[in-house]
PDB file of N, CA and C in Angstrom:
ATOM      1  N   UNK A   1       0.651  -1.430  -0.144  1.00  0.00           N
ATOM      2  CA  UNK A   1       0.166   0.021  -0.180  1.00  0.00           C
ATOM      3  C   UNK A   1       0.823   1.219  -0.120  1.00  0.00           C
ATOM      4  N   UNK A   2       0.299   2.068  -0.639  1.00  0.00           N
ATOM      5  CA  UNK A   2       1.190   3.591  -0.852  1.00  0.00           C
ATOM      6  C   UNK A   2       0.895   4.705   0.078  1.00  0.00           C
ATOM      7  N   UNK A   3      -0.527   4.301   0.814  1.00  0.00           N
ATOM      8  CA  UNK A   3      -0.939   5.400   1.560  1.00  0.00           C
ATOM      9  C   UNK A   3       0.222   5.701   2.804  1.00  0.00           C
ATOM     10  N   UNK A   4       0.483   4.565   3.376  1.00  0.00           N
ATOM     11  CA  UNK A   4       1.322   4.963   4.621  1.00  0.00           C
ATOM     12  C   UNK A   4       2.556   5.421   4.298  1.00  0.00           C
ATOM     13  N   UNK A   5       3.413   5.073   3.153  1.00  0.00           N
ATOM     14  CA  UNK A   5       4.617   5.859   2.816  1.00  0.00           C
ATOM     15  C   UNK A   5       4.384   7.465   2.471  1.00  0.00           C
ATOM     16  N   UNK A   6       2.947   7.937   1.881  1.00  0.00           N
ATOM     17  CA  UNK A   6       2.931   9.007   1.474  1.00  0.00           C
ATOM     18  C   UNK A   6       2.708  10.009   3.085  1.00  0.00           C
ATOM     19  N   UNK A   7       1.723   9.196   3.710  1.00  0.00           N
ATOM     20  CA  UNK A   7       1.614   9.852   5.361  1.00  0.00           C
ATOM     21  C   UNK A   7       2.989  10.007   5.825  1.00  0.00           C
ATOM     22  N   UNK A   8       3.730   9.115   6.133  1.00  0.00           N
ATOM     23  CA  UNK A   8       4.814   9.132   6.766  1.00  0.00           C
ATOM     24  C   UNK A   8       5.873  10.294   5.962  1.00  0.00           C
ATOM     25  N   UNK A   9       5.949  10.514   4.611  1.00  0.00           N
ATOM     26  CA  UNK A   9       6.605  11.775   4.202  1.00  0.00           C
ATOM     27  C   UNK A   9       6.146  13.008   4.376  1.00  0.00           C
ATOM     28  N   UNK A  10       5.015  12.830   4.521  1.00  0.00           N
ATOM     29  CA  UNK A  10       4.437  14.391   4.582  1.00  0.00           C
ATOM     30  C   UNK A  10       3.958  14.751   5.899  1.00  0.00           C
ATOM     31  N   UNK A  11       4.623  14.189   6.855  1.00  0.00           N
ATOM     32  CA  UNK A  11       4.112  14.228   8.563  1.00  0.00           C
ATOM     33  C   UNK A  11       4.555  15.582   8.912  1.00  0.00           C
ATOM     34  N   UNK A  12       5.616  16.283   8.339  1.00  0.00           N
ATOM     35  CA  UNK A  12       6.132  17.579   9.057  1.00  0.00           C
ATOM     36  C   UNK A  12       5.316  18.293   8.056  1.00  0.00           C
ATOM     37  N   UNK A  13       4.580  18.140   7.221  1.00  0.00           N
ATOM     38  CA  UNK A  13       3.990  19.327   6.359  1.00  0.00           C
ATOM     39  C   UNK A  13       2.526  20.018   6.743  1.00  0.00           C
ATOM     40  N   UNK A  14       2.446  21.100   6.909  1.00  0.00           N
ATOM     41  CA  UNK A  14       0.764  21.888   6.875  1.00  0.00           C
ATOM     42  C   UNK A  14       0.794  21.111   8.681  1.00  0.00           C
ATOM     43  N   UNK A  15       1.549  20.994   9.370  1.00  0.00           N
ATOM     44  CA  UNK A  15       1.546  20.804  10.747  1.00  0.00           C
ATOM     45  C   UNK A  15       1.125  19.532  10.935  1.00  0.00           C
ATOM     46  N   UNK A  16       1.535  18.628  10.047  1.00  0.00           N
ATOM     47  CA  UNK A  16       0.858  17.183  10.194  1.00  0.00           C
ATOM     48  C   UNK A  16      -0.600  16.968   9.642  1.00  0.00           C
ATOM     49  N   UNK A  17      -1.305  18.126   9.156  1.00  0.00           N
ATOM     50  CA  UNK A  17      -2.682  17.671   8.693  1.00  0.00           C
ATOM     51  C   UNK A  17      -2.759  17.288   7.120  1.00  0.00           C
ATOM     52  N   UNK A  18      -2.322  15.969   6.975  1.00  0.00           N
ATOM     53  CA  UNK A  18      -2.414  15.534   5.667  1.00  0.00           C
ATOM     54  C   UNK A  18      -3.678  14.385   6.108  1.00  0.00           C
ATOM     55  N   UNK A  19      -4.643  14.467   5.019  1.00  0.00           N
ATOM     56  CA  UNK A  19      -5.919  13.394   5.314  1.00  0.00           C
ATOM     57  C   UNK A  19      -6.064  12.367   4.115  1.00  0.00           C
ATOM     58  N   UNK A  20      -6.394  11.544   4.083  1.00  0.00           N
ATOM     59  CA  UNK A  20      -6.796  10.614   3.064  1.00  0.00           C
ATOM     60  C   UNK A  20      -8.060  10.543   2.766  1.00  0.00           C
ATOM     61  N   UNK A  21      -8.640  11.071   1.684  1.00  0.00           N
ATOM     62  CA  UNK A  21      -9.675  11.070   0.879  1.00  0.00           C
ATOM     63  C   UNK A  21     -10.441  12.368   1.387  1.00  0.00           C
ATOM     64  N   UNK A  22     -10.872  12.505   2.878  1.00  0.00           N
ATOM     65  CA  UNK A  22     -11.522  13.388   3.236  1.00  0.00           C
ATOM     66  C   UNK A  22     -10.807  14.198   4.545  1.00  0.00           C
ATOM     67  N   UNK A  23     -11.374  15.436   4.699  1.00  0.00           N
ATOM     68  CA  UNK A  23     -10.543  15.975   5.907  1.00  0.00           C
ATOM     69  C   UNK A  23     -11.549  16.351   6.816  1.00  0.00           C
ATOM     70  N   UNK A  24     -11.748  16.133   8.280  1.00  0.00           N
ATOM     71  CA  UNK A  24     -12.719  16.570   9.075  1.00  0.00           C
ATOM     72  C   UNK A  24     -12.927  18.117   8.569  1.00  0.00           C
ATOM     73  N   UNK A  25     -14.559  18.339   8.775  1.00  0.00           N
ATOM     74  CA  UNK A  25     -15.118  19.641   8.537  1.00  0.00           C
ATOM     75  C   UNK A  25     -14.546  20.571   9.099  1.00  0.00           C
ATOM     76  N   UNK A  26     -14.022  20.528  10.505  1.00  0.00           N
ATOM     77  CA  UNK A  26     -13.140  21.716  11.151  1.00  0.00           C
ATOM     78  C   UNK A  26     -11.859  21.797  11.093  1.00  0.00           C
ATOM     79  N   UNK A  27     -11.152  21.039  10.266  1.00  0.00           N
ATOM     80  CA  UNK A  27      -9.799  21.022   9.916  1.00  0.00           C
ATOM     81  C   UNK A  27      -9.166  22.418   9.650  1.00  0.00           C
ATOM     82  N   UNK A  28      -8.100  22.832  10.397  1.00  0.00           N
ATOM     83  CA  UNK A  28      -7.657  24.088  10.395  1.00  0.00           C
ATOM     84  C   UNK A  28      -6.566  24.199   8.963  1.00  0.00           C
ATOM     85  N   UNK A  29      -6.508  25.129   8.121  1.00  0.00           N
ATOM     86  CA  UNK A  29      -6.112  25.445   6.906  1.00  0.00           C
ATOM     87  C   UNK A  29      -4.685  26.134   7.398  1.00  0.00           C
ATOM     88  N   UNK A  30      -3.554  25.787   6.656  1.00  0.00           N
ATOM     89  CA  UNK A  30      -3.705  24.786   5.537  1.00  0.00           C
ATOM     90  C   UNK A  30      -3.615  23.231   5.808  1.00  0.00           C
ATOM     91  N   UNK A  31      -3.966  22.503   5.039  1.00  0.00           N
ATOM     92  CA  UNK A  31      -4.279  21.037   5.156  1.00  0.00           C
ATOM     93  C   UNK A  31      -3.977  20.489   3.681  1.00  0.00           C
ATOM     94  N   UNK A  32      -3.897  19.186   3.601  1.00  0.00           N
ATOM     95  CA  UNK A  32      -3.723  18.472   2.155  1.00  0.00           C
ATOM     96  C   UNK A  32      -4.633  17.175   2.335  1.00  0.00           C
ATOM     97  N   UNK A  33      -5.057  16.893   1.410  1.00  0.00           N
ATOM     98  CA  UNK A  33      -5.819  15.733   1.199  1.00  0.00           C
ATOM     99  C   UNK A  33      -5.410  15.027  -0.169  1.00  0.00           C
ATOM    100  N   UNK A  34      -5.314  13.570   0.079  1.00  0.00           N
ATOM    101  CA  UNK A  34      -4.607  12.790  -1.119  1.00  0.00           C
ATOM    102  C   UNK A  34      -5.414  11.787  -1.221  1.00  0.00           C
ATOM    103  N   UNK A  35      -5.735  11.098  -2.610  1.00  0.00           N
ATOM    104  CA  UNK A  35      -6.674   9.817  -2.752  1.00  0.00           C
ATOM    105  C   UNK A  35      -6.187   9.465  -3.938  1.00  0.00           C
ATOM    106  N   UNK A  36      -6.221   7.943  -3.896  1.00  0.00           N
ATOM    107  CA  UNK A  36      -5.904   7.084  -5.357  1.00  0.00           C
ATOM    108  C   UNK A  36      -6.810   7.273  -6.357  1.00  0.00           C
ATOM    109  N   UNK A  37      -6.524   7.945  -7.598  1.00  0.00           N
ATOM    110  CA  UNK A  37      -7.461   8.063  -8.787  1.00  0.00           C
ATOM    111  C   UNK A  37      -7.251   7.382 -10.152  1.00  0.00           C
ATOM    112  N   UNK A  38      -6.346   5.998  -9.487  1.00  0.00           N
ATOM    113  CA  UNK A  38      -6.180   5.395 -10.796  1.00  0.00           C
ATOM    114  C   UNK A  38      -4.605   4.933 -11.256  1.00  0.00           C
ATOM    115  N   UNK A  39      -4.097   4.629 -12.136  1.00  0.00           N
ATOM    116  CA  UNK A  39      -2.253   4.270 -12.279  1.00  0.00           C
ATOM    117  C   UNK A  39      -2.441   3.378 -13.384  1.00  0.00           C
ATOM    118  N   UNK A  40      -1.598   3.011 -13.515  1.00  0.00           N
ATOM    119  CA  UNK A  40      -0.697   2.099 -14.665  1.00  0.00           C
ATOM    120  C   UNK A  40      -0.701   0.577 -14.523  1.00  0.00           C
ATOM    121  N   UNK A  41      -1.370  -0.312 -15.524  1.00  0.00           N
ATOM    122  CA  UNK A  41      -1.223  -1.753 -15.048  1.00  0.00           C
ATOM    123  C   UNK A  41      -0.234  -2.146 -15.683  1.00  0.00           C
ATOM    124  N   UNK A  42       0.696  -2.946 -14.690  1.00  0.00           N
ATOM    125  CA  UNK A  42       1.742  -3.324 -15.115  1.00  0.00           C
ATOM    126  C   UNK A  42       1.764  -4.642 -15.639  1.00  0.00           C
ATOM    127  N   UNK A  43       0.916  -5.484 -15.276  1.00  0.00           N
ATOM    128  CA  UNK A  43       0.778  -6.774 -15.885  1.00  0.00           C
ATOM    129  C   UNK A  43       0.749  -7.185 -17.126  1.00  0.00           C
ATOM    130  N   UNK A  44       1.217  -8.178 -17.562  1.00  0.00           N
ATOM    131  CA  UNK A  44       1.473  -8.762 -18.618  1.00  0.00           C
ATOM    132  C   UNK A  44       0.842 -10.103 -18.809  1.00  0.00           C
ATOM    133  N   UNK A  45       1.251 -11.015 -20.271  1.00  0.00           N
ATOM    134  CA  UNK A  45       0.937 -12.119 -20.365  1.00  0.00           C
ATOM    135  C   UNK A  45       1.482 -13.189 -19.363  1.00  0.00           C
ATOM    136  N   UNK A  46       2.561 -12.873 -18.895  1.00  0.00           N
ATOM    137  CA  UNK A  46       3.460 -13.740 -17.569  1.00  0.00           C
ATOM    138  C   UNK A  46       2.868 -13.700 -16.487  1.00  0.00           C
ATOM    139  N   UNK A  47       1.863 -12.528 -16.400  1.00  0.00           N
ATOM    140  CA  UNK A  47       1.031 -12.553 -14.784  1.00  0.00           C
ATOM    141  C   UNK A  47       1.007 -11.193 -14.347  1.00  0.00           C
ATOM    142  N   UNK A  48       0.650 -11.108 -13.101  1.00  0.00           N
ATOM    143  CA  UNK A  48       1.051  -9.737 -12.394  1.00  0.00           C
ATOM    144  C   UNK A  48       2.175  -9.494 -12.063  1.00  0.00           C
ATOM    145  N   UNK A  49       2.613  -7.946 -12.034  1.00  0.00           N
ATOM    146  CA  UNK A  49       3.882  -7.357 -12.046  1.00  0.00           C
ATOM    147  C   UNK A  49       4.286  -7.555 -10.580  1.00  0.00           C
ATOM    148  N   UNK A  50       5.490  -7.447 -10.127  1.00  0.00           N
ATOM    149  CA  UNK A  50       5.819  -7.379  -8.840  1.00  0.00           C
ATOM    150  C   UNK A  50       5.569  -5.973  -8.308  1.00  0.00           C
ATOM    151  N   UNK A  51       5.706  -5.037  -9.277  1.00  0.00           N
ATOM    152  CA  UNK A  51       5.724  -3.564  -8.930  1.00  0.00           C
ATOM    153  C   UNK A  51       4.160  -3.195  -9.282  1.00  0.00           C
ATOM    154  N   UNK A  52       3.762  -2.240  -8.357  1.00  0.00           N
ATOM    155  CA  UNK A  52       2.459  -1.455  -8.539  1.00  0.00           C
ATOM    156  C   UNK A  52       2.642   0.067  -9.036  1.00  0.00           C
ATOM    157  N   UNK A  53       1.479   0.719  -9.721  1.00  0.00           N
ATOM    158  CA  UNK A  53       1.404   1.638 -10.012  1.00  0.00           C
ATOM    159  C   UNK A  53       0.144   2.437  -9.219  1.00  0.00           C
ATOM    160  N   UNK A  54       0.606   3.843  -8.637  1.00  0.00           N
ATOM    161  CA  UNK A  54      -0.555   4.128  -8.348  1.00  0.00           C
ATOM    162  C   UNK A  54      -0.735   5.930  -8.840  1.00  0.00           C
ATOM    163  N   UNK A  55      -1.676   6.545  -9.183  1.00  0.00           N
ATOM    164  CA  UNK A  55      -1.740   7.789  -9.503  1.00  0.00           C
ATOM    165  C   UNK A  55      -2.345   8.385  -8.604  1.00  0.00           C
ATOM    166  N   UNK A  56      -1.959   9.209  -7.694  1.00  0.00           N
ATOM    167  CA  UNK A  56      -2.743   9.829  -6.052  1.00  0.00           C
ATOM    168  C   UNK A  56      -2.628  11.351  -6.783  1.00  0.00           C
ATOM    169  N   UNK A  57      -3.953  11.917  -6.340  1.00  0.00           N
ATOM    170  CA  UNK A  57      -4.315  13.345  -6.257  1.00  0.00           C
ATOM    171  C   UNK A  57      -4.224  13.824  -4.968  1.00  0.00           C
ATOM    172  N   UNK A  58      -3.320  15.245  -5.057  1.00  0.00           N
ATOM    173  CA  UNK A  58      -3.444  15.833  -4.089  1.00  0.00           C
ATOM    174  C   UNK A  58      -3.989  17.226  -4.138  1.00  0.00           C
ATOM    175  N   UNK A  59      -4.909  17.626  -2.903  1.00  0.00           N
ATOM    176  CA  UNK A  59      -5.211  18.674  -3.238  1.00  0.00           C
ATOM    177  C   UNK A  59      -4.805  19.707  -1.510  1.00  0.00           C
ATOM    178  N   UNK A  60      -4.277  20.888  -1.925  1.00  0.00           N
ATOM    179  CA  UNK A  60      -4.120  21.546  -0.894  1.00  0.00           C
ATOM    180  C   UNK A  60      -4.799  22.527  -0.539  1.00  0.00           C
ATOM    181  N   UNK A  61      -5.401  22.943   0.582  1.00  0.00           N
ATOM    182  CA  UNK A  61      -6.565  23.926   1.062  1.00  0.00           C
ATOM    183  C   UNK A  61      -5.836  25.029   1.819  1.00  0.00           C
ATOM    184  N   UNK A  62      -5.874  26.090   1.589  1.00  0.00           N
ATOM    185  CA  UNK A  62      -5.448  27.136   2.698  1.00  0.00           C
ATOM    186  C   UNK A  62      -6.284  28.616   2.581  1.00  0.00           C
ATOM    187  N   UNK A  63      -5.602  29.598   3.323  1.00  0.00           N
ATOM    188  CA  UNK A  63      -6.405  30.981   3.383  1.00  0.00           C
ATOM    189  C   UNK A  63      -5.880  31.659   2.410  1.00  0.00           C
ATOM    190  N   UNK A  64      -4.678  31.751   1.720  1.00  0.00           N
ATOM    191  CA  UNK A  64      -4.210  32.394   0.607  1.00  0.00           C
ATOM    192  C   UNK A  64      -4.048  31.715  -0.550  1.00  0.00           C
ATOM    193  N   UNK A  65      -3.485  32.098  -1.444  1.00  0.00           N
ATOM    194  CA  UNK A  65      -3.198  31.276  -2.712  1.00  0.00           C
ATOM    195  C   UNK A  65      -1.364  31.263  -2.298  1.00  0.00           C
ATOM    196  N   UNK A  66      -0.884  32.240  -2.149  1.00  0.00           N
ATOM    197  CA  UNK A  66       0.622  31.804  -1.589  1.00  0.00           C
ATOM    198  C   UNK A  66       0.723  30.882  -0.608  1.00  0.00           C
ATOM    199  N   UNK A  67       0.175  30.904   0.239  1.00  0.00           N
ATOM    200  CA  UNK A  67      -0.031  29.760   1.294  1.00  0.00           C
ATOM    201  C   UNK A  67      -0.240  28.169   0.555  1.00  0.00           C
ATOM    202  N   UNK A  68      -1.028  28.084  -0.480  1.00  0.00           N
ATOM    203  CA  UNK A  68      -1.293  26.775  -0.912  1.00  0.00           C
ATOM    204  C   UNK A  68      -0.201  26.393  -1.900  1.00  0.00           C
ATOM    205  N   UNK A  69       0.568  27.387  -2.520  1.00  0.00           N
ATOM    206  CA  UNK A  69       1.446  27.257  -3.424  1.00  0.00           C
ATOM    207  C   UNK A  69       2.633  26.665  -2.444  1.00  0.00           C
ATOM    208  N   UNK A  70       2.838  27.447  -1.562  1.00  0.00           N
ATOM    209  CA  UNK A  70       4.058  26.935  -0.673  1.00  0.00           C
ATOM    210  C   UNK A  70       3.764  25.750  -0.111  1.00  0.00           C
ATOM    211  N   UNK A  71       2.802  25.285   0.398  1.00  0.00           N
ATOM    212  CA  UNK A  71       2.356  24.139   0.606  1.00  0.00           C
ATOM    213  C   UNK A  71       2.733  22.988  -0.210  1.00  0.00           C
ATOM    214  N   UNK A  72       1.826  23.166  -1.511  1.00  0.00           N
ATOM    215  CA  UNK A  72       1.924  22.362  -2.584  1.00  0.00           C
ATOM    216  C   UNK A  72       3.428  21.803  -3.156  1.00  0.00           C
ATOM    217  N   UNK A  73       4.237  23.114  -2.846  1.00  0.00           N
ATOM    218  CA  UNK A  73       5.976  22.813  -3.216  1.00  0.00           C
ATOM    219  C   UNK A  73       6.567  21.893  -2.227  1.00  0.00           C
ATOM    220  N   UNK A  74       6.109  22.186  -0.979  1.00  0.00           N
ATOM    221  CA  UNK A  74       6.598  21.172   0.321  1.00  0.00           C
ATOM    222  C   UNK A  74       6.093  19.591   0.122  1.00  0.00           C
ATOM    223  N   UNK A  75       5.056  19.601  -0.610  1.00  0.00           N
ATOM    224  CA  UNK A  75       4.648  18.078  -1.039  1.00  0.00           C
ATOM    225  C   UNK A  75       4.986  17.767  -2.040  1.00  0.00           C
ATOM    226  N   UNK A  76       5.502  18.412  -3.111  1.00  0.00           N
ATOM    227  CA  UNK A  76       6.170  17.965  -4.201  1.00  0.00           C
ATOM    228  C   UNK A  76       7.584  17.725  -3.732  1.00  0.00           C
ATOM    229  N   UNK A  77       8.405  18.334  -3.139  1.00  0.00           N
ATOM    230  CA  UNK A  77       9.635  18.202  -2.566  1.00  0.00           C
ATOM    231  C   UNK A  77       9.733  16.798  -1.932  1.00  0.00           C
ATOM    232  N   UNK A  78       8.812  16.625  -1.106  1.00  0.00           N
ATOM    233  CA  UNK A  78       8.907  15.711  -0.158  1.00  0.00           C
ATOM    234  C   UNK A  78       8.695  14.290  -0.863  1.00  0.00           C
ATOM    235  N   UNK A  79       7.739  14.476  -1.795  1.00  0.00           N
ATOM    236  CA  UNK A  79       7.295  13.030  -2.575  1.00  0.00           C
ATOM    237  C   UNK A  79       8.057  12.342  -3.893  1.00  0.00           C
ATOM    238  N   UNK A  80       8.629  13.460  -4.125  1.00  0.00           N
ATOM    239  CA  UNK A  80       9.237  13.303  -5.919  1.00  0.00           C
ATOM    240  C   UNK A  80      10.836  13.331  -5.427  1.00  0.00           C
ATOM    241  N   UNK A  81      11.294  13.226  -4.413  1.00  0.00           N
ATOM    242  CA  UNK A  81      12.896  13.286  -3.962  1.00  0.00           C
ATOM    243  C   UNK A  81      13.205  11.654  -4.426  1.00  0.00           C
ATOM    244  N   UNK A  82      14.543  11.109  -3.831  1.00  0.00           N
ATOM    245  CA  UNK A  82      15.408  10.229  -3.843  1.00  0.00           C
ATOM    246  C   UNK A  82      14.304   8.843  -2.980  1.00  0.00           C
ATOM    247  N   UNK A  83      13.654   9.473  -2.146  1.00  0.00           N
ATOM    248  CA  UNK A  83      12.752   8.061  -1.414  1.00  0.00           C
ATOM    249  C   UNK A  83      11.865   7.442  -2.257  1.00  0.00           C
ATOM    250  N   UNK A  84      10.703   8.091  -2.425  1.00  0.00           N
ATOM    251  CA  UNK A  84       9.577   7.698  -3.024  1.00  0.00           C
ATOM    252  C   UNK A  84       9.530   7.916  -4.576  1.00  0.00           C
ATOM    253  N   UNK A  85      10.367   8.775  -5.133  1.00  0.00           N
ATOM    254  CA  UNK A  85      10.220   9.113  -6.447  1.00  0.00           C
ATOM    255  C   UNK A  85       9.235   9.307  -7.517  1.00  0.00           C
ATOM    256  N   UNK A  86       8.250  10.179  -6.456  1.00  0.00           N
ATOM    257  CA  UNK A  86       7.243  10.163  -7.181  1.00  0.00           C
ATOM    258  C   UNK A  86       7.587  11.215  -8.328  1.00  0.00           C
ATOM    259  N   UNK A  87       6.457  11.046  -9.469  1.00  0.00           N
ATOM    260  CA  UNK A  87       6.531  11.687 -10.832  1.00  0.00           C
ATOM    261  C   UNK A  87       5.453  12.871 -11.196  1.00  0.00           C
ATOM    262  N   UNK A  88       5.468  14.028 -10.746  1.00  0.00           N
ATOM    263  CA  UNK A  88       4.391  14.501 -11.148  1.00  0.00           C
ATOM    264  C   UNK A  88       3.632  14.495 -12.530  1.00  0.00           C
ATOM    265  N   UNK A  89       2.366  14.635 -12.546  1.00  0.00           N
ATOM    266  CA  UNK A  89       1.576  14.334 -13.535  1.00  0.00           C
ATOM    267  C   UNK A  89       1.268  15.977 -14.165  1.00  0.00           C
ATOM    268  N   UNK A  90       1.644  16.857 -14.677  1.00  0.00           N
ATOM    269  CA  UNK A  90       1.639  17.880 -15.139  1.00  0.00           C
ATOM    270  C   UNK A  90       2.229  18.918 -14.051  1.00  0.00           C
ATOM    271  N   UNK A  91       1.575  20.127 -14.132  1.00  0.00           N
ATOM    272  CA  UNK A  91       1.813  20.988 -13.248  1.00  0.00           C
ATOM    273  C   UNK A  91       0.786  21.188 -12.120  1.00  0.00           C
ATOM    274  N   UNK A  92       0.852  21.864 -10.936  1.00  0.00           N
ATOM    275  CA  UNK A  92      -0.273  22.291 -10.089  1.00  0.00           C
ATOM    276  C   UNK A  92      -1.225  23.162 -10.753  1.00  0.00           C
ATOM    277  N   UNK A  93      -2.708  22.793 -10.344  1.00  0.00           N
ATOM    278  CA  UNK A  93      -3.972  23.700 -10.844  1.00  0.00           C
ATOM    279  C   UNK A  93      -4.170  24.607  -9.375  1.00  0.00           C
ATOM    280  N   UNK A  94      -4.361  26.154  -9.876  1.00  0.00           N
ATOM    281  CA  UNK A  94      -4.735  26.706  -9.011  1.00  0.00           C
ATOM    282  C   UNK A  94      -6.450  26.531  -8.504  1.00  0.00           C
ATOM    283  N   UNK A  95      -6.731  26.752  -7.510  1.00  0.00           N
ATOM    284  CA  UNK A  95      -8.329  26.597  -6.997  1.00  0.00           C
ATOM    285  C   UNK A  95      -8.356  27.745  -6.267  1.00  0.00           C
ATOM    286  N   UNK A  96      -9.860  28.168  -6.493  1.00  0.00           N
ATOM    287  CA  UNK A  96     -10.577  28.903  -5.196  1.00  0.00           C
ATOM    288  C   UNK A  96     -11.892  28.392  -5.088  1.00  0.00           C
ATOM    289  N   UNK A  97     -12.395  28.595  -3.947  1.00  0.00           N
ATOM    290  CA  UNK A  97     -13.385  28.105  -3.511  1.00  0.00           C
ATOM    291  C   UNK A  97     -14.406  29.375  -3.319  1.00  0.00           C
ATOM    292  N   UNK A  98     -15.342  29.929  -4.303  1.00  0.00           N
ATOM    293  CA  UNK A  98     -16.070  31.374  -3.747  1.00  0.00           C
ATOM    294  C   UNK A  98     -16.626  31.369  -2.634  1.00  0.00           C
ATOM    295  N   UNK A  99     -17.502  30.178  -2.258  1.00  0.00           N
ATOM    296  CA  UNK A  99     -18.391  30.174  -1.098  1.00  0.00           C
ATOM    297  C   UNK A  99     -17.670  30.441   0.337  1.00  0.00           C
ATOM    298  N   UNK A 100     -16.407  30.068   0.491  1.00  0.00           N
ATOM    299  CA  UNK A 100     -15.396  29.655   1.575  1.00  0.00           C
ATOM    300  C   UNK A 100     -14.342  30.764   1.383  1.00  0.00           C
ATOM    301  N   UNK A 101     -14.308  31.179   0.320  1.00  0.00           N
ATOM    302  CA  UNK A 101     -13.134  32.093  -0.046  1.00  0.00           C
ATOM    303  C   UNK A 101     -11.678  31.414   0.182  1.00  0.00           C
ATOM    304  N   UNK A 102     -11.607  30.018   0.145  1.00  0.00           N
ATOM    305  CA  UNK A 102     -10.567  29.282   0.230  1.00  0.00           C
ATOM    306  C   UNK A 102      -9.749  29.313  -1.019  1.00  0.00           C
ATOM    307  N   UNK A 103      -8.601  29.083  -0.695  1.00  0.00           N
ATOM    308  CA  UNK A 103      -7.527  29.010  -2.295  1.00  0.00           C
ATOM    309  C   UNK A 103      -6.882  27.501  -1.794  1.00  0.00           C
ATOM    310  N   UNK A 104      -6.606  27.108  -3.347  1.00  0.00           N
ATOM    311  CA  UNK A 104      -5.934  25.774  -3.130  1.00  0.00           C
ATOM    312  C   UNK A 104      -4.971  25.373  -4.580  1.00  0.00           C
ATOM    313  N   UNK A 105      -4.702  24.354  -4.306  1.00  0.00           N
ATOM    314  CA  UNK A 105      -4.011  23.663  -5.858  1.00  0.00           C
ATOM    315  C   UNK A 105      -3.904  22.220  -5.641  1.00  0.00           C
ATOM    316  N   UNK A 106      -4.059  21.892  -7.019  1.00  0.00           N
ATOM    317  CA  UNK A 106      -4.011  19.996  -7.282  1.00  0.00           C
ATOM    318  C   UNK A 106      -3.292  19.677  -7.955  1.00  0.00           C
ATOM    319  N   UNK A 107      -2.781  18.626  -7.945  1.00  0.00           N
ATOM    320  CA  UNK A 107      -1.940  17.964  -8.388  1.00  0.00           C
ATOM    321  C   UNK A 107      -1.776  16.363  -8.229  1.00  0.00           C
ATOM    322  N   UNK A 108      -1.491  15.912  -9.352  1.00  0.00           N
ATOM    323  CA  UNK A 108      -1.532  14.159  -9.428  1.00  0.00           C
ATOM    324  C   UNK A 108      -0.040  13.732  -9.817  1.00  0.00           C
ATOM    325  N   UNK A 109       0.308  12.784  -8.976  1.00  0.00           N
ATOM    326  CA  UNK A 109       1.704  12.283  -9.055  1.00  0.00           C
ATOM    327  C   UNK A 109       1.725  10.798  -9.033  1.00  0.00           C
ATOM    328  N   UNK A 110       2.441  10.365  -9.627  1.00  0.00           N
ATOM    329  CA  UNK A 110       2.650   8.706 -10.255  1.00  0.00           C
ATOM    330  C   UNK A 110       3.806   8.310  -9.205  1.00  0.00           C
ATOM    331  N   UNK A 111       3.332   7.338  -8.521  1.00  0.00           N
ATOM    332  CA  UNK A 111       4.166   6.314  -7.989  1.00  0.00           C
ATOM    333  C   UNK A 111       4.326   4.879  -8.279  1.00  0.00           C
ATOM    334  N   UNK A 112       5.572   4.225  -8.676  1.00  0.00           N
ATOM    335  CA  UNK A 112       5.680   2.834  -8.608  1.00  0.00           C
ATOM    336  C   UNK A 112       6.208   2.526  -7.162  1.00  0.00           C
ATOM    337  N   UNK A 113       5.516   1.152  -6.923  1.00  0.00           N
ATOM    338  CA  UNK A 113       6.247   0.714  -5.192  1.00  0.00           C
ATOM    339  C   UNK A 113       5.677  -0.608  -5.462  1.00  0.00           C
ATOM    340  N   UNK A 114       6.287  -1.434  -4.214  1.00  0.00           N
ATOM    341  CA  UNK A 114       6.281  -2.867  -4.224  1.00  0.00           C
ATOM    342  C   UNK A 114       5.089  -3.025  -3.299  1.00  0.00           C
ATOM    343  N   UNK A 115       4.441  -3.782  -3.413  1.00  0.00           N
ATOM    344  CA  UNK A 115       3.380  -3.689  -2.558  1.00  0.00           C
ATOM    345  C   UNK A 115       3.546  -4.781  -1.102  1.00  0.00           C
TER     346      UNK A 115
END
């Protein structure tokens, strides 16, 4: 499973407010949510592959656009370095939620791992 590796790598980011799939309604910003949204199948006619791929979407919510960008950069540095070797799929997408006036960034990262 990739989720414990992600949670561990991001433990110091956003004061540890990293959530799998959903955040509590009263979560203090900034925080990040991550969720598996697909991946690549590496199976062949020879059978299942030893390694698996997961495409994981990260969404950061913050009080300002600058704060969201800063936290997303920390996510990228933590997950795309030598340890997990995540590969960003594109660049972060800026978000704004007009009803709450929250700012965010969204990015998908691809991971290869051994289950």
